[in-house]
Amino acid sequence: MHTAAARRRNDIVRRIFASLNVFILIVLPVTLHAVQGEKTEVFPIQKAAPAVVFVEKTGTEAELRQELRMKTGVTELGELNVRFSQAPTGKYGFVAGTSLAMALVTQSPDLTLERARLGANFYEIHKLADGNAMLVGFVPSEILAGLKQPERPKAIKLSFASVPSDTTPYIVAVPLVKLSADRMPSPIDPQKADAGVMLHMDLKGTTTRQSLHGVP
């Protein structure tokens, strides 16, 4: 009797340890995956939109982009190209202005990010640690003044250049989830291939209760 009871106890203990091993094998790789910086978020993100990030000085394009990336905490995308929803968090990539505009018009924002900037008409996008998307561009001083306000009761008309110029010298990053557009980007200077493009959009106010894609 005692031997049968002992066998039953041992059998129960073995099954408990087997269950624990399965749990560890399933959970541990997922945990390590996140720790190694490969966490992904499916877009759209059902979180509060982040605040506007900006660099309040002028400089070379390379310097301004690098300083903004440090502020948002992103590094270069590892893959040549990847869908935003599948991209690791804490990375930046680039998207053509026409593709960006189409995504905003159709409200289908799962864009394909390129690791390299393939032309002056490409915009930079940051995928933050929380999965939110930030669109990077260049604005004039009067628009920067409006973007700097922590509270914006109304939407702002945003003229967003893909590259800096004498009239758009300030770099900013705005939450993609707060943007809407109804037109394609226009060339800044049709005579110059490297002059970049301008995208005219609306940036919703911070007090808007229901913003694009249902994010408050």
Protein backbone atom coordinates (compact mmCIF):
# COMPACT_ATOMS: atom_id res chain seq x y z
CA MET A 1 0.00 0.00 0.00
CA HIS A 2 2.73 2.36 1.02
CA THR A 3 4.64 1.53 -2.16
CA ALA A 4 1.62 2.27 -4.39
CA ALA A 5 1.00 5.60 -2.61
CA ALA A 6 4.65 6.56 -3.00
CA ARG A 7 4.51 5.75 -6.72
CA ARG A 8 1.42 7.96 -7.11
CA ARG A 9 3.15 10.84 -5.28
CA ASN A 10 6.25 10.48 -7.44
CA ASP A 11 4.10 10.43 -10.58
CA ILE A 12 2.34 13.66 -9.53
CA VAL A 13 5.68 15.37 -8.77
CA ARG A 14 7.08 14.34 -12.17
CA ARG A 15 4.03 15.77 -13.95
CA ILE A 16 4.33 19.07 -12.04
CA PHE A 17 8.01 19.41 -13.01
CA ALA A 18 7.20 18.56 -16.62
CA SER A 19 4.60 21.34 -16.69
CA LEU A 20 7.09 23.80 -15.21
CA ASN A 21 9.67 22.90 -17.85
CA VAL A 22 7.17 23.53 -20.63
CA PHE A 23 6.27 26.89 -19.09
CA ILE A 24 9.93 27.91 -18.89
CA LEU A 25 10.63 26.84 -22.48
CA ILE A 26 7.69 28.93 -23.74
CA VAL A 27 8.15 32.07 -21.63
CA LEU A 28 11.93 32.38 -21.51
CA PRO A 29 12.55 32.92 -25.26
CA VAL A 30 9.82 35.58 -25.36
CA THR A 31 11.38 37.37 -22.41
CA LEU A 32 14.85 37.22 -23.91
CA HIS A 33 13.48 38.44 -27.25
CA ALA A 34 12.11 41.58 -25.58
CA VAL A 35 15.26 42.17 -23.50
CA GLN A 36 17.43 42.01 -26.62
CA GLY A 37 15.59 44.98 -28.13
CA GLU A 38 13.55 43.00 -30.67
CA LYS A 39 10.16 43.94 -29.25
CA THR A 40 7.57 44.80 -31.88
CA GLU A 41 4.19 46.53 -31.71
CA VAL A 42 1.34 46.12 -34.16
CA PHE A 43 0.15 49.41 -35.65
CA PRO A 44 -2.11 51.24 -34.95
CA ILE A 45 -1.11 51.71 -31.34
CA GLN A 46 -3.95 52.06 -28.87
CA LYS A 47 -2.01 54.34 -26.54
CA ALA A 48 -1.94 58.06 -25.83
CA ALA A 49 -0.06 59.91 -28.57
CA PRO A 50 3.41 61.14 -27.55
CA ALA A 51 4.32 64.81 -27.38
CA VAL A 52 6.01 66.68 -30.22
CA VAL A 53 9.82 66.46 -30.10
CA PHE A 54 11.97 69.20 -31.59
CA VAL A 55 15.49 70.64 -31.74
CA GLU A 56 15.37 74.36 -31.13
CA LYS A 57 18.42 75.30 -33.15
CA THR A 58 19.65 75.18 -36.72
CA GLY A 59 22.61 73.26 -38.11
CA THR A 60 23.55 70.75 -40.76
CA GLU A 61 20.93 68.16 -41.68
CA ALA A 62 23.08 65.31 -40.37
CA GLU A 63 23.60 67.04 -37.01
CA LEU A 64 19.91 67.85 -36.57
CA ARG A 65 18.78 64.33 -37.43
CA GLN A 66 21.29 62.79 -35.05
CA GLU A 67 20.27 65.08 -32.16
CA LEU A 68 16.59 64.34 -32.70
CA ARG A 69 17.27 60.59 -32.78
CA MET A 70 19.05 60.89 -29.45
CA LYS A 71 16.01 62.69 -28.00
CA THR A 72 13.58 60.00 -29.15
CA GLY A 73 15.98 57.16 -28.31
CA VAL A 74 16.09 55.42 -31.69
CA THR A 75 18.86 53.74 -33.66
CA GLU A 76 19.20 52.57 -37.26
CA LEU A 77 16.88 49.85 -38.52
CA GLY A 78 18.68 46.52 -38.96
CA GLU A 79 16.70 45.14 -41.92
CA LEU A 80 16.83 46.63 -45.43
CA ASN A 81 13.06 47.08 -45.32
CA VAL A 82 10.29 45.95 -42.98
CA ARG A 83 6.65 46.72 -42.26
CA PHE A 84 6.21 49.18 -39.40
CA SER A 85 4.15 46.66 -37.43
CA GLN A 86 7.00 44.14 -37.62
CA ALA A 87 9.88 46.56 -37.00
CA PRO A 88 11.59 46.40 -33.59
CA THR A 89 10.85 49.28 -31.26
CA GLY A 90 13.51 51.94 -30.73
CA LYS A 91 14.40 52.06 -34.44
CA TYR A 92 14.11 54.55 -37.29
CA GLY A 93 13.59 54.09 -41.01
CA PHE A 94 12.45 56.03 -44.06
CA VAL A 95 9.38 56.10 -46.29
CA ALA A 96 8.68 57.84 -49.60
CA GLY A 97 6.52 60.94 -49.35
CA THR A 98 3.90 59.53 -51.74
CA SER A 99 3.54 56.32 -49.71
CA LEU A 100 3.25 58.35 -46.52
CA ALA A 101 0.57 60.60 -48.00
CA MET A 102 -1.42 57.61 -49.28
CA ALA A 103 -1.30 56.02 -45.83
CA LEU A 104 -2.60 59.22 -44.23
CA VAL A 105 -5.32 59.70 -46.84
CA THR A 106 -6.54 56.11 -46.62
CA GLN A 107 -5.80 55.80 -42.88
CA SER A 108 -3.83 52.60 -43.50
CA PRO A 109 -0.57 53.47 -41.78
CA ASP A 110 1.32 50.15 -41.70
CA LEU A 111 4.08 51.52 -43.89
CA THR A 112 7.12 49.73 -45.24
CA LEU A 113 10.22 51.29 -43.69
CA GLU A 114 13.50 51.42 -45.60
CA ARG A 115 16.76 51.33 -43.68
CA ALA A 116 18.40 53.83 -46.05
CA ARG A 117 17.06 57.18 -47.23
CA LEU A 118 16.60 56.55 -50.94
CA GLY A 119 15.98 60.15 -51.99
CA ALA A 120 15.24 63.71 -50.88
CA ASN A 121 11.51 62.91 -51.06
CA PHE A 122 11.79 60.34 -48.24
CA TYR A 123 10.61 61.11 -44.71
CA GLU A 124 12.13 59.67 -41.56
CA ILE A 125 9.92 57.72 -39.14
CA HIS A 126 10.82 56.78 -35.56
CA LYS A 127 9.30 53.77 -33.82
CA LEU A 128 9.48 54.66 -30.13
CA ALA A 129 10.05 52.25 -27.26
CA ASP A 130 6.27 52.15 -26.62
CA GLY A 131 5.52 51.36 -30.28
CA ASN A 132 4.25 54.80 -31.28
CA ALA A 133 5.28 56.27 -34.64
CA MET A 134 6.83 59.73 -34.97
CA LEU A 135 7.13 61.46 -38.34
CA VAL A 136 10.22 63.64 -38.80
CA GLY A 137 10.33 66.74 -40.97
CA PHE A 138 11.40 70.37 -41.18
CA VAL A 139 9.29 73.44 -40.44
CA PRO A 140 9.59 77.25 -40.39
CA SER A 141 9.96 79.18 -37.13
CA GLU A 142 6.28 80.21 -36.96
CA ILE A 143 5.10 76.59 -37.09
CA LEU A 144 7.73 75.53 -34.56
CA ALA A 145 6.35 78.15 -32.15
CA GLY A 146 2.91 76.53 -32.36
CA LEU A 147 4.25 73.01 -31.99
CA LYS A 148 6.18 73.95 -28.85
CA GLN A 149 2.96 74.69 -26.96
CA PRO A 150 2.23 71.81 -24.54
CA GLU A 151 -1.52 72.33 -25.02
CA ARG A 152 -3.00 72.88 -28.50
CA PRO A 153 -6.78 73.32 -28.32
CA LYS A 154 -7.08 73.36 -32.11
CA ALA A 155 -5.49 71.51 -35.00
CA ILE A 156 -2.44 73.08 -36.64
CA LYS A 157 -1.98 73.37 -40.40
CA LEU A 158 1.37 71.73 -40.87
CA SER A 159 3.65 72.36 -43.87
CA PHE A 160 6.18 69.58 -43.45
CA ALA A 161 9.33 69.47 -45.59
CA SER A 162 11.33 66.29 -46.10
CA VAL A 163 14.63 68.22 -46.06
CA PRO A 164 15.76 71.48 -44.44
CA SER A 165 15.98 74.77 -46.28
CA ASP A 166 16.34 78.47 -45.51
CA THR A 167 12.57 78.67 -45.00
CA THR A 168 12.20 75.35 -43.08
CA PRO A 169 15.33 75.11 -40.90
CA TYR A 170 13.91 73.42 -37.76
CA ILE A 171 13.61 69.67 -37.31
CA VAL A 172 10.61 68.23 -35.44
CA ALA A 173 9.01 64.84 -34.83
CA VAL A 174 5.22 64.71 -34.61
CA PRO A 175 3.02 61.71 -33.68
CA LEU A 176 1.86 60.00 -36.86
CA VAL A 177 -1.38 58.97 -35.18
CA LYS A 178 -2.37 62.64 -34.84
CA LEU A 179 -1.90 63.49 -38.53
CA SER A 180 -4.36 63.63 -41.40
CA ALA A 181 -3.87 64.64 -45.02
CA ASP A 182 -5.98 64.81 -48.18
CA ARG A 183 -3.35 65.46 -50.84
CA MET A 184 -0.08 64.20 -52.24
CA PRO A 185 3.25 65.92 -51.43
CA SER A 186 4.41 68.67 -53.78
CA PRO A 187 8.00 69.32 -54.96
CA ILE A 188 9.68 72.14 -53.07
CA ASP A 189 11.53 73.14 -56.24
CA PRO A 190 10.50 71.28 -59.44
CA GLN A 191 13.78 72.36 -61.04
CA LYS A 192 15.91 70.57 -58.42
CA ALA A 193 15.71 66.82 -57.92
CA ASP A 194 17.34 67.02 -54.47
CA ALA A 195 15.10 69.83 -53.16
CA GLY A 196 12.74 67.41 -51.43
CA VAL A 197 8.97 67.59 -51.07
CA MET A 198 6.43 69.41 -48.91
CA LEU A 199 3.48 67.61 -47.34
CA HIS A 200 0.54 69.70 -46.11
CA MET A 201 -1.24 68.05 -43.19
CA ASP A 202 -3.38 68.72 -40.13
CA LEU A 203 -1.92 67.95 -36.71
CA LYS A 204 -4.77 67.40 -34.26
CA GLY A 205 -4.80 69.34 -31.01
CA THR A 206 -3.73 67.82 -27.72
CA THR A 207 -7.23 68.29 -26.26
CA THR A 208 -8.99 66.44 -29.09
CA ARG A 209 -10.92 63.59 -27.46
CA GLN A 210 -10.91 61.29 -30.47
CA SER A 211 -7.96 61.45 -32.83
CA LEU A 212 -6.93 59.56 -35.95
CA HIS A 213 -7.13 55.74 -35.60
CA GLY A 214 -9.03 56.06 -32.31
CA VAL A 215 -6.11 57.09 -30.11
CA PRO A 216 -6.87 59.81 -27.50
